[in-house]
């Protein structure tokens, strides 16, 4: 969503179609004209 500088957001990612735990889950971001960048990763 839209937030002012200094504010907070919480993103959620729900997986469906499997009961198996992912070894790695993470978040990437991509701004216009920029390469995709990894911003966070968590292992099982």
ModelCIF file with pLDDT and N, C-alpha, C, O atoms, coordinates in Angstrom:
data_MODEL
#
_entry.id   MODEL 
#
_entity.id                         1 
_entity.type                       polymer 
_entity.pdbx_number_of_molecules   1 
#
_entity_poly.entity_id                      1 
_entity_poly.type                           'polypeptide(L)' 
_entity_poly.nstd_linkage                   no 
_entity_poly.nstd_monomer                   no 
_entity_poly.pdbx_seq_one_letter_code       
;(UNK)(UNK)(UNK)(UNK)(UNK)(UNK)(UNK)(UNK)(UNK)(UNK)(UNK)(UNK)(UNK)(UNK)(UNK)(UNK)
(UNK)(UNK)(UNK)(UNK)(UNK)(UNK)(UNK)(UNK)(UNK)(UNK)(UNK)(UNK)(UNK)(UNK)(UNK)(UNK)
(UNK)(UNK)(UNK)(UNK)(UNK)(UNK)(UNK)(UNK)(UNK)(UNK)(UNK)(UNK)
;
_entity_poly.pdbx_seq_one_letter_code_can   XXXXXXXXXXXXXXXXXXXXXXXXXXXXXXXXXXXXXXXXXXXX 
_entity_poly.pdbx_strand_id                 A 
#
loop_
_entity_poly_seq.entity_id 
_entity_poly_seq.num 
_entity_poly_seq.mon_id 
_entity_poly_seq.hetero 
1 1  UNK n 
1 2  UNK n 
1 3  UNK n 
1 4  UNK n 
1 5  UNK n 
1 6  UNK n 
1 7  UNK n 
1 8  UNK n 
1 9  UNK n 
1 10 UNK n 
1 11 UNK n 
1 12 UNK n 
1 13 UNK n 
1 14 UNK n 
1 15 UNK n 
1 16 UNK n 
1 17 UNK n 
1 18 UNK n 
1 19 UNK n 
1 20 UNK n 
1 21 UNK n 
1 22 UNK n 
1 23 UNK n 
1 24 UNK n 
1 25 UNK n 
1 26 UNK n 
1 27 UNK n 
1 28 UNK n 
1 29 UNK n 
1 30 UNK n 
1 31 UNK n 
1 32 UNK n 
1 33 UNK n 
1 34 UNK n 
1 35 UNK n 
1 36 UNK n 
1 37 UNK n 
1 38 UNK n 
1 39 UNK n 
1 40 UNK n 
1 41 UNK n 
1 42 UNK n 
1 43 UNK n 
1 44 UNK n 
#
_struct_asym.id          A 
_struct_asym.entity_id   1 
#
loop_
_ma_qa_metric.id 
_ma_qa_metric.mode 
_ma_qa_metric.name 
_ma_qa_metric.software_group_id 
_ma_qa_metric.type 
1 global pLDDT . pLDDT 
2 local  pLDDT . pLDDT 
#
_ma_qa_metric_global.metric_id      1 
_ma_qa_metric_global.metric_value   95.50 
_ma_qa_metric_global.model_id       1 
_ma_qa_metric_global.ordinal_id     1 
#
loop_
_ma_qa_metric_local.label_asym_id 
_ma_qa_metric_local.label_comp_id 
_ma_qa_metric_local.label_seq_id 
_ma_qa_metric_local.metric_id 
_ma_qa_metric_local.metric_value 
_ma_qa_metric_local.model_id 
_ma_qa_metric_local.ordinal_id 
A UNK 1  2 98.00 1 1  
A UNK 2  2 98.00 1 2  
A UNK 3  2 98.00 1 3  
A UNK 4  2 98.00 1 4  
A UNK 5  2 98.00 1 5  
A UNK 6  2 98.00 1 6  
A UNK 7  2 98.00 1 7  
A UNK 8  2 98.00 1 8  
A UNK 9  2 98.00 1 9  
A UNK 10 2 98.00 1 10 
A UNK 11 2 98.00 1 11 
A UNK 12 2 98.00 1 12 
A UNK 13 2 97.00 1 13 
A UNK 14 2 95.00 1 14 
A UNK 15 2 94.00 1 15 
A UNK 16 2 94.00 1 16 
A UNK 17 2 93.00 1 17 
A UNK 18 2 89.00 1 18 
A UNK 19 2 85.00 1 19 
A UNK 20 2 87.00 1 20 
A UNK 21 2 89.00 1 21 
A UNK 22 2 93.00 1 22 
A UNK 23 2 93.00 1 23 
A UNK 24 2 95.00 1 24 
A UNK 25 2 95.00 1 25 
A UNK 26 2 97.00 1 26 
A UNK 27 2 98.00 1 27 
A UNK 28 2 98.00 1 28 
A UNK 29 2 98.00 1 29 
A UNK 30 2 98.00 1 30 
A UNK 31 2 97.00 1 31 
A UNK 32 2 92.00 1 32 
A UNK 33 2 93.00 1 33 
A UNK 34 2 95.00 1 34 
A UNK 35 2 96.00 1 35 
A UNK 36 2 97.00 1 36 
A UNK 37 2 97.00 1 37 
A UNK 38 2 97.00 1 38 
A UNK 39 2 98.00 1 39 
A UNK 40 2 98.00 1 40 
A UNK 41 2 97.00 1 41 
A UNK 42 2 96.00 1 42 
A UNK 43 2 94.00 1 43 
A UNK 44 2 91.00 1 44 
#
loop_
_atom_site.group_PDB 
_atom_site.id 
_atom_site.type_symbol 
_atom_site.label_atom_id 
_atom_site.label_alt_id 
_atom_site.label_comp_id 
_atom_site.label_asym_id 
_atom_site.label_entity_id 
_atom_site.label_seq_id 
_atom_site.pdbx_PDB_ins_code 
_atom_site.Cartn_x 
_atom_site.Cartn_y 
_atom_site.Cartn_z 
_atom_site.occupancy 
_atom_site.B_iso_or_equiv 
_atom_site.pdbx_formal_charge 
_atom_site.auth_seq_id 
_atom_site.auth_comp_id 
_atom_site.auth_asym_id 
_atom_site.auth_atom_id 
_atom_site.pdbx_PDB_model_num 
ATOM 1   N N  . UNK A 1 1  ? 0.809  -1.200  0.000   1.00 98.00 ? 1  UNK A N  1 
ATOM 2   C CA . UNK A 1 1  ? 0.000  0.000   0.000   1.00 98.00 ? 1  UNK A CA 1 
ATOM 3   C C  . UNK A 1 1  ? 0.837  1.243   0.000   1.00 98.00 ? 1  UNK A C  1 
ATOM 4   O O  . UNK A 1 1  ? 2.038  1.206   -0.267  1.00 98.00 ? 1  UNK A O  1 
ATOM 5   N N  . UNK A 1 2  ? 0.192  2.348   0.303   1.00 98.00 ? 2  UNK A N  1 
ATOM 6   C CA . UNK A 1 2  ? 0.823  3.662   0.346   1.00 98.00 ? 2  UNK A CA 1 
ATOM 7   C C  . UNK A 1 2  ? 1.038  4.067   1.791   1.00 98.00 ? 2  UNK A C  1 
ATOM 8   O O  . UNK A 1 2  ? 0.120  3.991   2.609   1.00 98.00 ? 2  UNK A O  1 
ATOM 9   N N  . UNK A 1 3  ? 2.250  4.498   2.105   1.00 98.00 ? 3  UNK A N  1 
ATOM 10  C CA . UNK A 1 3  ? 2.576  4.906   3.461   1.00 98.00 ? 3  UNK A CA 1 
ATOM 11  C C  . UNK A 1 3  ? 3.542  6.086   3.410   1.00 98.00 ? 3  UNK A C  1 
ATOM 12  O O  . UNK A 1 3  ? 4.332  6.208   2.473   1.00 98.00 ? 3  UNK A O  1 
ATOM 13  N N  . UNK A 1 4  ? 3.479  6.940   4.402   1.00 98.00 ? 4  UNK A N  1 
ATOM 14  C CA . UNK A 1 4  ? 4.401  8.060   4.484   1.00 98.00 ? 4  UNK A CA 1 
ATOM 15  C C  . UNK A 1 4  ? 5.759  7.604   5.000   1.00 98.00 ? 4  UNK A C  1 
ATOM 16  O O  . UNK A 1 4  ? 5.864  6.604   5.709   1.00 98.00 ? 4  UNK A O  1 
ATOM 17  N N  . UNK A 1 5  ? 6.794  8.347   4.634   1.00 98.00 ? 5  UNK A N  1 
ATOM 18  C CA . UNK A 1 5  ? 8.131  8.054   5.136   1.00 98.00 ? 5  UNK A CA 1 
ATOM 19  C C  . UNK A 1 5  ? 8.122  7.989   6.654   1.00 98.00 ? 5  UNK A C  1 
ATOM 20  O O  . UNK A 1 5  ? 7.513  8.824   7.323   1.00 98.00 ? 5  UNK A O  1 
ATOM 21  N N  . UNK A 1 6  ? 8.806  6.987   7.186   1.00 98.00 ? 6  UNK A N  1 
ATOM 22  C CA . UNK A 1 6  ? 8.827  6.766   8.618   1.00 98.00 ? 6  UNK A CA 1 
ATOM 23  C C  . UNK A 1 6  ? 7.763  5.811   9.106   1.00 98.00 ? 6  UNK A C  1 
ATOM 24  O O  . UNK A 1 6  ? 7.800  5.375   10.257  1.00 98.00 ? 6  UNK A O  1 
ATOM 25  N N  . UNK A 1 7  ? 6.825  5.483   8.256   1.00 98.00 ? 7  UNK A N  1 
ATOM 26  C CA . UNK A 1 7  ? 5.757  4.585   8.627   1.00 98.00 ? 7  UNK A CA 1 
ATOM 27  C C  . UNK A 1 7  ? 6.137  3.131   8.485   1.00 98.00 ? 7  UNK A C  1 
ATOM 28  O O  . UNK A 1 7  ? 7.286  2.798   8.192   1.00 98.00 ? 7  UNK A O  1 
ATOM 29  N N  . UNK A 1 8  ? 5.152  2.263   8.699   1.00 98.00 ? 8  UNK A N  1 
ATOM 30  C CA . UNK A 1 8  ? 5.382  0.827   8.691   1.00 98.00 ? 8  UNK A CA 1 
ATOM 31  C C  . UNK A 1 8  ? 4.327  0.105   7.873   1.00 98.00 ? 8  UNK A C  1 
ATOM 32  O O  . UNK A 1 8  ? 3.195  0.568   7.737   1.00 98.00 ? 8  UNK A O  1 
ATOM 33  N N  . UNK A 1 9  ? 4.718  -1.028  7.335   1.00 98.00 ? 9  UNK A N  1 
ATOM 34  C CA . UNK A 1 9  ? 3.814  -1.948  6.667   1.00 98.00 ? 9  UNK A CA 1 
ATOM 35  C C  . UNK A 1 9  ? 4.237  -3.363  7.003   1.00 98.00 ? 9  UNK A C  1 
ATOM 36  O O  . UNK A 1 9  ? 5.409  -3.619  7.278   1.00 98.00 ? 9  UNK A O  1 
ATOM 37  N N  . UNK A 1 10 ? 3.286  -4.281  6.980   1.00 98.00 ? 10 UNK A N  1 
ATOM 38  C CA . UNK A 1 10 ? 3.602  -5.689  7.114   1.00 98.00 ? 10 UNK A CA 1 
ATOM 39  C C  . UNK A 1 10 ? 3.054  -6.435  5.913   1.00 98.00 ? 10 UNK A C  1 
ATOM 40  O O  . UNK A 1 10 ? 1.848  -6.441  5.665   1.00 98.00 ? 10 UNK A O  1 
ATOM 41  N N  . UNK A 1 11 ? 3.951  -7.061  5.174   1.00 98.00 ? 11 UNK A N  1 
ATOM 42  C CA . UNK A 1 11 ? 3.575  -7.868  4.032   1.00 98.00 ? 11 UNK A CA 1 
ATOM 43  C C  . UNK A 1 11 ? 3.403  -9.319  4.452   1.00 98.00 ? 11 UNK A C  1 
ATOM 44  O O  . UNK A 1 11 ? 4.115  -9.811  5.328   1.00 98.00 ? 11 UNK A O  1 
ATOM 45  N N  . UNK A 1 12 ? 2.460  -9.996  3.826   1.00 98.00 ? 12 UNK A N  1 
ATOM 46  C CA . UNK A 1 12 ? 2.230  -11.409 4.072   1.00 98.00 ? 12 UNK A CA 1 
ATOM 47  C C  . UNK A 1 12 ? 2.319  -12.174 2.765   1.00 98.00 ? 12 UNK A C  1 
ATOM 48  O O  . UNK A 1 12 ? 1.964  -11.658 1.706   1.00 98.00 ? 12 UNK A O  1 
ATOM 49  N N  . UNK A 1 13 ? 2.792  -13.398 2.845   1.00 97.00 ? 13 UNK A N  1 
ATOM 50  C CA . UNK A 1 13 ? 2.857  -14.282 1.689   1.00 97.00 ? 13 UNK A CA 1 
ATOM 51  C C  . UNK A 1 13 ? 2.363  -15.646 2.131   1.00 97.00 ? 13 UNK A C  1 
ATOM 52  O O  . UNK A 1 13 ? 3.020  -16.327 2.918   1.00 97.00 ? 13 UNK A O  1 
ATOM 53  N N  . UNK A 1 14 ? 1.218  -16.038 1.629   1.00 95.00 ? 14 UNK A N  1 
ATOM 54  C CA . UNK A 1 14 ? 0.614  -17.312 1.986   1.00 95.00 ? 14 UNK A CA 1 
ATOM 55  C C  . UNK A 1 14 ? 0.834  -18.324 0.875   1.00 95.00 ? 14 UNK A C  1 
ATOM 56  O O  . UNK A 1 14 ? 0.504  -18.069 -0.283  1.00 95.00 ? 14 UNK A O  1 
ATOM 57  N N  . UNK A 1 15 ? 1.391  -19.468 1.233   1.00 94.00 ? 15 UNK A N  1 
ATOM 58  C CA . UNK A 1 15 ? 1.609  -20.543 0.278   1.00 94.00 ? 15 UNK A CA 1 
ATOM 59  C C  . UNK A 1 15 ? 0.447  -21.523 0.323   1.00 94.00 ? 15 UNK A C  1 
ATOM 60  O O  . UNK A 1 15 ? -0.059 -21.851 1.395   1.00 94.00 ? 15 UNK A O  1 
ATOM 61  N N  . UNK A 1 16 ? 0.036  -21.979 -0.831  1.00 94.00 ? 16 UNK A N  1 
ATOM 62  C CA . UNK A 1 16 ? -1.009 -22.983 -0.933  1.00 94.00 ? 16 UNK A CA 1 
ATOM 63  C C  . UNK A 1 16 ? -0.554 -24.090 -1.867  1.00 94.00 ? 16 UNK A C  1 
ATOM 64  O O  . UNK A 1 16 ? 0.359  -23.901 -2.670  1.00 94.00 ? 16 UNK A O  1 
ATOM 65  N N  . UNK A 1 17 ? -1.193 -25.241 -1.758  1.00 93.00 ? 17 UNK A N  1 
ATOM 66  C CA . UNK A 1 17 ? -0.899 -26.349 -2.645  1.00 93.00 ? 17 UNK A CA 1 
ATOM 67  C C  . UNK A 1 17 ? 0.180  -27.287 -2.162  1.00 93.00 ? 17 UNK A C  1 
ATOM 68  O O  . UNK A 1 17 ? 0.588  -28.187 -2.895  1.00 93.00 ? 17 UNK A O  1 
ATOM 69  N N  . UNK A 1 18 ? 0.653  -27.097 -0.935  1.00 89.00 ? 18 UNK A N  1 
ATOM 70  C CA . UNK A 1 18 ? 1.675  -27.981 -0.386  1.00 89.00 ? 18 UNK A CA 1 
ATOM 71  C C  . UNK A 1 18 ? 1.609  -27.982 1.129   1.00 89.00 ? 18 UNK A C  1 
ATOM 72  O O  . UNK A 1 18 ? 1.284  -26.971 1.752   1.00 89.00 ? 18 UNK A O  1 
ATOM 73  N N  . UNK A 1 19 ? 1.920  -29.123 1.709   1.00 85.00 ? 19 UNK A N  1 
ATOM 74  C CA . UNK A 1 19 ? 2.085  -29.232 3.155   1.00 85.00 ? 19 UNK A CA 1 
ATOM 75  C C  . UNK A 1 19 ? 3.558  -29.314 3.524   1.00 85.00 ? 19 UNK A C  1 
ATOM 76  O O  . UNK A 1 19 ? 3.899  -29.390 4.704   1.00 85.00 ? 19 UNK A O  1 
ATOM 77  N N  . UNK A 1 20 ? 4.425  -29.300 2.537   1.00 87.00 ? 20 UNK A N  1 
ATOM 78  C CA . UNK A 1 20 ? 5.855  -29.395 2.766   1.00 87.00 ? 20 UNK A CA 1 
ATOM 79  C C  . UNK A 1 20 ? 6.414  -28.017 3.063   1.00 87.00 ? 20 UNK A C  1 
ATOM 80  O O  . UNK A 1 20 ? 6.112  -27.054 2.358   1.00 87.00 ? 20 UNK A O  1 
ATOM 81  N N  . UNK A 1 21 ? 7.221  -27.921 4.093   1.00 89.00 ? 21 UNK A N  1 
ATOM 82  C CA . UNK A 1 21 ? 7.834  -26.660 4.478   1.00 89.00 ? 21 UNK A CA 1 
ATOM 83  C C  . UNK A 1 21 ? 8.922  -26.291 3.471   1.00 89.00 ? 21 UNK A C  1 
ATOM 84  O O  . UNK A 1 21 ? 9.746  -27.129 3.107   1.00 89.00 ? 21 UNK A O  1 
ATOM 85  N N  . UNK A 1 22 ? 8.921  -25.047 3.027   1.00 93.00 ? 22 UNK A N  1 
ATOM 86  C CA . UNK A 1 22 ? 9.967  -24.570 2.140   1.00 93.00 ? 22 UNK A CA 1 
ATOM 87  C C  . UNK A 1 22 ? 11.284 -24.453 2.885   1.00 93.00 ? 22 UNK A C  1 
ATOM 88  O O  . UNK A 1 22 ? 11.323 -24.037 4.043   1.00 93.00 ? 22 UNK A O  1 
ATOM 89  N N  . UNK A 1 23 ? 12.362 -24.826 2.206   1.00 93.00 ? 23 UNK A N  1 
ATOM 90  C CA . UNK A 1 23 ? 13.682 -24.670 2.788   1.00 93.00 ? 23 UNK A CA 1 
ATOM 91  C C  . UNK A 1 23 ? 14.071 -23.202 2.914   1.00 93.00 ? 23 UNK A C  1 
ATOM 92  O O  . UNK A 1 23 ? 14.672 -22.793 3.907   1.00 93.00 ? 23 UNK A O  1 
ATOM 93  N N  . UNK A 1 24 ? 13.724 -22.420 1.906   1.00 95.00 ? 24 UNK A N  1 
ATOM 94  C CA . UNK A 1 24 ? 14.013 -20.992 1.887   1.00 95.00 ? 24 UNK A CA 1 
ATOM 95  C C  . UNK A 1 24 ? 12.751 -20.234 1.515   1.00 95.00 ? 24 UNK A C  1 
ATOM 96  O O  . UNK A 1 24 ? 12.016 -20.639 0.614   1.00 95.00 ? 24 UNK A O  1 
ATOM 97  N N  . UNK A 1 25 ? 12.508 -19.147 2.201   1.00 95.00 ? 25 UNK A N  1 
ATOM 98  C CA . UNK A 1 25 ? 11.483 -18.202 1.818   1.00 95.00 ? 25 UNK A CA 1 
ATOM 99  C C  . UNK A 1 25 ? 12.063 -16.809 1.951   1.00 95.00 ? 25 UNK A C  1 
ATOM 100 O O  . UNK A 1 25 ? 12.841 -16.534 2.864   1.00 95.00 ? 25 UNK A O  1 
ATOM 101 N N  . UNK A 1 26 ? 11.684 -15.942 1.046   1.00 97.00 ? 26 UNK A N  1 
ATOM 102 C CA . UNK A 1 26 ? 12.244 -14.613 1.089   1.00 97.00 ? 26 UNK A CA 1 
ATOM 103 C C  . UNK A 1 26 ? 11.411 -13.599 0.350   1.00 97.00 ? 26 UNK A C  1 
ATOM 104 O O  . UNK A 1 26 ? 10.367 -13.906 -0.226  1.00 97.00 ? 26 UNK A O  1 
ATOM 105 N N  . UNK A 1 27 ? 11.904 -12.383 0.385   1.00 98.00 ? 27 UNK A N  1 
ATOM 106 C CA . UNK A 1 27 ? 11.278 -11.270 -0.288  1.00 98.00 ? 27 UNK A CA 1 
ATOM 107 C C  . UNK A 1 27 ? 12.287 -10.570 -1.186  1.00 98.00 ? 27 UNK A C  1 
ATOM 108 O O  . UNK A 1 27 ? 13.429 -10.333 -0.792  1.00 98.00 ? 27 UNK A O  1 
ATOM 109 N N  . UNK A 1 28 ? 11.856 -10.247 -2.384  1.00 98.00 ? 28 UNK A N  1 
ATOM 110 C CA . UNK A 1 28 ? 12.607 -9.457  -3.337  1.00 98.00 ? 28 UNK A CA 1 
ATOM 111 C C  . UNK A 1 28 ? 11.796 -8.218  -3.670  1.00 98.00 ? 28 UNK A C  1 
ATOM 112 O O  . UNK A 1 28 ? 10.582 -8.188  -3.469  1.00 98.00 ? 28 UNK A O  1 
ATOM 113 N N  . UNK A 1 29 ? 12.466 -7.202  -4.177  1.00 98.00 ? 29 UNK A N  1 
ATOM 114 C CA . UNK A 1 29 ? 11.752 -6.025  -4.634  1.00 98.00 ? 29 UNK A CA 1 
ATOM 115 C C  . UNK A 1 29 ? 12.365 -5.532  -5.933  1.00 98.00 ? 29 UNK A C  1 
ATOM 116 O O  . UNK A 1 29 ? 13.541 -5.763  -6.216  1.00 98.00 ? 29 UNK A O  1 
ATOM 117 N N  . UNK A 1 30 ? 11.546 -4.851  -6.713  1.00 98.00 ? 30 UNK A N  1 
ATOM 118 C CA . UNK A 1 30 ? 12.006 -4.295  -7.971  1.00 98.00 ? 30 UNK A CA 1 
ATOM 119 C C  . UNK A 1 30 ? 11.329 -2.955  -8.202  1.00 98.00 ? 30 UNK A C  1 
ATOM 120 O O  . UNK A 1 30 ? 10.103 -2.864  -8.266  1.00 98.00 ? 30 UNK A O  1 
ATOM 121 N N  . UNK A 1 31 ? 12.138 -1.927  -8.325  1.00 97.00 ? 31 UNK A N  1 
ATOM 122 C CA . UNK A 1 31 ? 11.659 -0.598  -8.652  1.00 97.00 ? 31 UNK A CA 1 
ATOM 123 C C  . UNK A 1 31 ? 11.795 -0.371  -10.151 1.00 97.00 ? 31 UNK A C  1 
ATOM 124 O O  . UNK A 1 31 ? 12.609 -1.028  -10.799 1.00 97.00 ? 31 UNK A O  1 
ATOM 125 N N  . UNK A 1 32 ? 11.013 0.548   -10.715 1.00 92.00 ? 32 UNK A N  1 
ATOM 126 C CA . UNK A 1 32 ? 11.120 0.819   -12.154 1.00 92.00 ? 32 UNK A CA 1 
ATOM 127 C C  . UNK A 1 32 ? 12.546 1.167   -12.561 1.00 92.00 ? 32 UNK A C  1 
ATOM 128 O O  . UNK A 1 32 ? 13.182 2.020   -11.942 1.00 92.00 ? 32 UNK A O  1 
ATOM 129 N N  . UNK A 1 33 ? 13.043 0.510   -13.600 1.00 93.00 ? 33 UNK A N  1 
ATOM 130 C CA . UNK A 1 33 ? 14.380 0.762   -14.090 1.00 93.00 ? 33 UNK A CA 1 
ATOM 131 C C  . UNK A 1 33 ? 15.492 0.161   -13.264 1.00 93.00 ? 33 UNK A C  1 
ATOM 132 O O  . UNK A 1 33 ? 16.666 0.383   -13.558 1.00 93.00 ? 33 UNK A O  1 
ATOM 133 N N  . UNK A 1 34 ? 15.151 -0.593  -12.239 1.00 95.00 ? 34 UNK A N  1 
ATOM 134 C CA . UNK A 1 34 ? 16.150 -1.188  -11.362 1.00 95.00 ? 34 UNK A CA 1 
ATOM 135 C C  . UNK A 1 34 ? 16.094 -2.708  -11.438 1.00 95.00 ? 34 UNK A C  1 
ATOM 136 O O  . UNK A 1 34 ? 15.067 -3.283  -11.798 1.00 95.00 ? 34 UNK A O  1 
ATOM 137 N N  . UNK A 1 35 ? 17.208 -3.353  -11.093 1.00 96.00 ? 35 UNK A N  1 
ATOM 138 C CA . UNK A 1 35 ? 17.250 -4.800  -11.029 1.00 96.00 ? 35 UNK A CA 1 
ATOM 139 C C  . UNK A 1 35 ? 16.537 -5.295  -9.777  1.00 96.00 ? 35 UNK A C  1 
ATOM 140 O O  . UNK A 1 35 ? 16.447 -4.588  -8.773  1.00 96.00 ? 35 UNK A O  1 
ATOM 141 N N  . UNK A 1 36 ? 16.033 -6.521  -9.857  1.00 97.00 ? 36 UNK A N  1 
ATOM 142 C CA . UNK A 1 36 ? 15.390 -7.111  -8.708  1.00 97.00 ? 36 UNK A CA 1 
ATOM 143 C C  . UNK A 1 36 ? 16.420 -7.343  -7.604  1.00 97.00 ? 36 UNK A C  1 
ATOM 144 O O  . UNK A 1 36 ? 17.521 -7.828  -7.867  1.00 97.00 ? 36 UNK A O  1 
ATOM 145 N N  . UNK A 1 37 ? 16.065 -6.999  -6.384  1.00 97.00 ? 37 UNK A N  1 
ATOM 146 C CA . UNK A 1 37 ? 16.964 -7.011  -5.249  1.00 97.00 ? 37 UNK A CA 1 
ATOM 147 C C  . UNK A 1 37 ? 16.387 -7.855  -4.127  1.00 97.00 ? 37 UNK A C  1 
ATOM 148 O O  . UNK A 1 37 ? 15.220 -7.694  -3.768  1.00 97.00 ? 37 UNK A O  1 
ATOM 149 N N  . UNK A 1 38 ? 17.186 -8.750  -3.571  1.00 97.00 ? 38 UNK A N  1 
ATOM 150 C CA . UNK A 1 38 ? 16.762 -9.517  -2.411  1.00 97.00 ? 38 UNK A CA 1 
ATOM 151 C C  . UNK A 1 38 ? 16.793 -8.626  -1.184  1.00 97.00 ? 38 UNK A C  1 
ATOM 152 O O  . UNK A 1 38 ? 17.786 -7.943  -0.933  1.00 97.00 ? 38 UNK A O  1 
ATOM 153 N N  . UNK A 1 39 ? 15.713 -8.629  -0.420  1.00 98.00 ? 39 UNK A N  1 
ATOM 154 C CA . UNK A 1 39 ? 15.636 -7.784  0.761   1.00 98.00 ? 39 UNK A CA 1 
ATOM 155 C C  . UNK A 1 39 ? 15.558 -8.575  2.057   1.00 98.00 ? 39 UNK A C  1 
ATOM 156 O O  . UNK A 1 39 ? 15.804 -8.020  3.128   1.00 98.00 ? 39 UNK A O  1 
ATOM 157 N N  . UNK A 1 40 ? 15.222 -9.853  1.986   1.00 98.00 ? 40 UNK A N  1 
ATOM 158 C CA . UNK A 1 40 ? 15.146 -10.654 3.203   1.00 98.00 ? 40 UNK A CA 1 
ATOM 159 C C  . UNK A 1 40 ? 15.032 -12.120 2.835   1.00 98.00 ? 40 UNK A C  1 
ATOM 160 O O  . UNK A 1 40 ? 14.444 -12.468 1.812   1.00 98.00 ? 40 UNK A O  1 
ATOM 161 N N  . UNK A 1 41 ? 15.595 -12.977 3.671   1.00 97.00 ? 41 UNK A N  1 
ATOM 162 C CA . UNK A 1 41 ? 15.500 -14.418 3.472   1.00 97.00 ? 41 UNK A CA 1 
ATOM 163 C C  . UNK A 1 41 ? 15.477 -15.105 4.822   1.00 97.00 ? 41 UNK A C  1 
ATOM 164 O O  . UNK A 1 41 ? 16.138 -14.669 5.765   1.00 97.00 ? 41 UNK A O  1 
ATOM 165 N N  . UNK A 1 42 ? 14.713 -16.179 4.908   1.00 96.00 ? 42 UNK A N  1 
ATOM 166 C CA . UNK A 1 42 ? 14.682 -16.986 6.120   1.00 96.00 ? 42 UNK A CA 1 
ATOM 167 C C  . UNK A 1 42 ? 14.689 -18.459 5.729   1.00 96.00 ? 42 UNK A C  1 
ATOM 168 O O  . UNK A 1 42 ? 13.957 -18.867 4.827   1.00 96.00 ? 42 UNK A O  1 
ATOM 169 N N  . UNK A 1 43 ? 15.507 -19.249 6.398   1.00 94.00 ? 43 UNK A N  1 
ATOM 170 C CA . UNK A 1 43 ? 15.556 -20.681 6.150   1.00 94.00 ? 43 UNK A CA 1 
ATOM 171 C C  . UNK A 1 43 ? 14.515 -21.396 6.995   1.00 94.00 ? 43 UNK A C  1 
ATOM 172 O O  . UNK A 1 43 ? 13.891 -20.799 7.873   1.00 94.00 ? 43 UNK A O  1 
ATOM 173 N N  . UNK A 1 44 ? 14.335 -22.682 6.720   1.00 91.00 ? 44 UNK A N  1 
ATOM 174 C CA . UNK A 1 44 ? 13.400 -23.473 7.509   1.00 91.00 ? 44 UNK A CA 1 
ATOM 175 C C  . UNK A 1 44 ? 13.831 -23.555 8.967   1.00 91.00 ? 44 UNK A C  1 
ATOM 176 O O  . UNK A 1 44 ? 13.153 -24.186 9.777   1.00 91.00 ? 44 UNK A O  1 
#
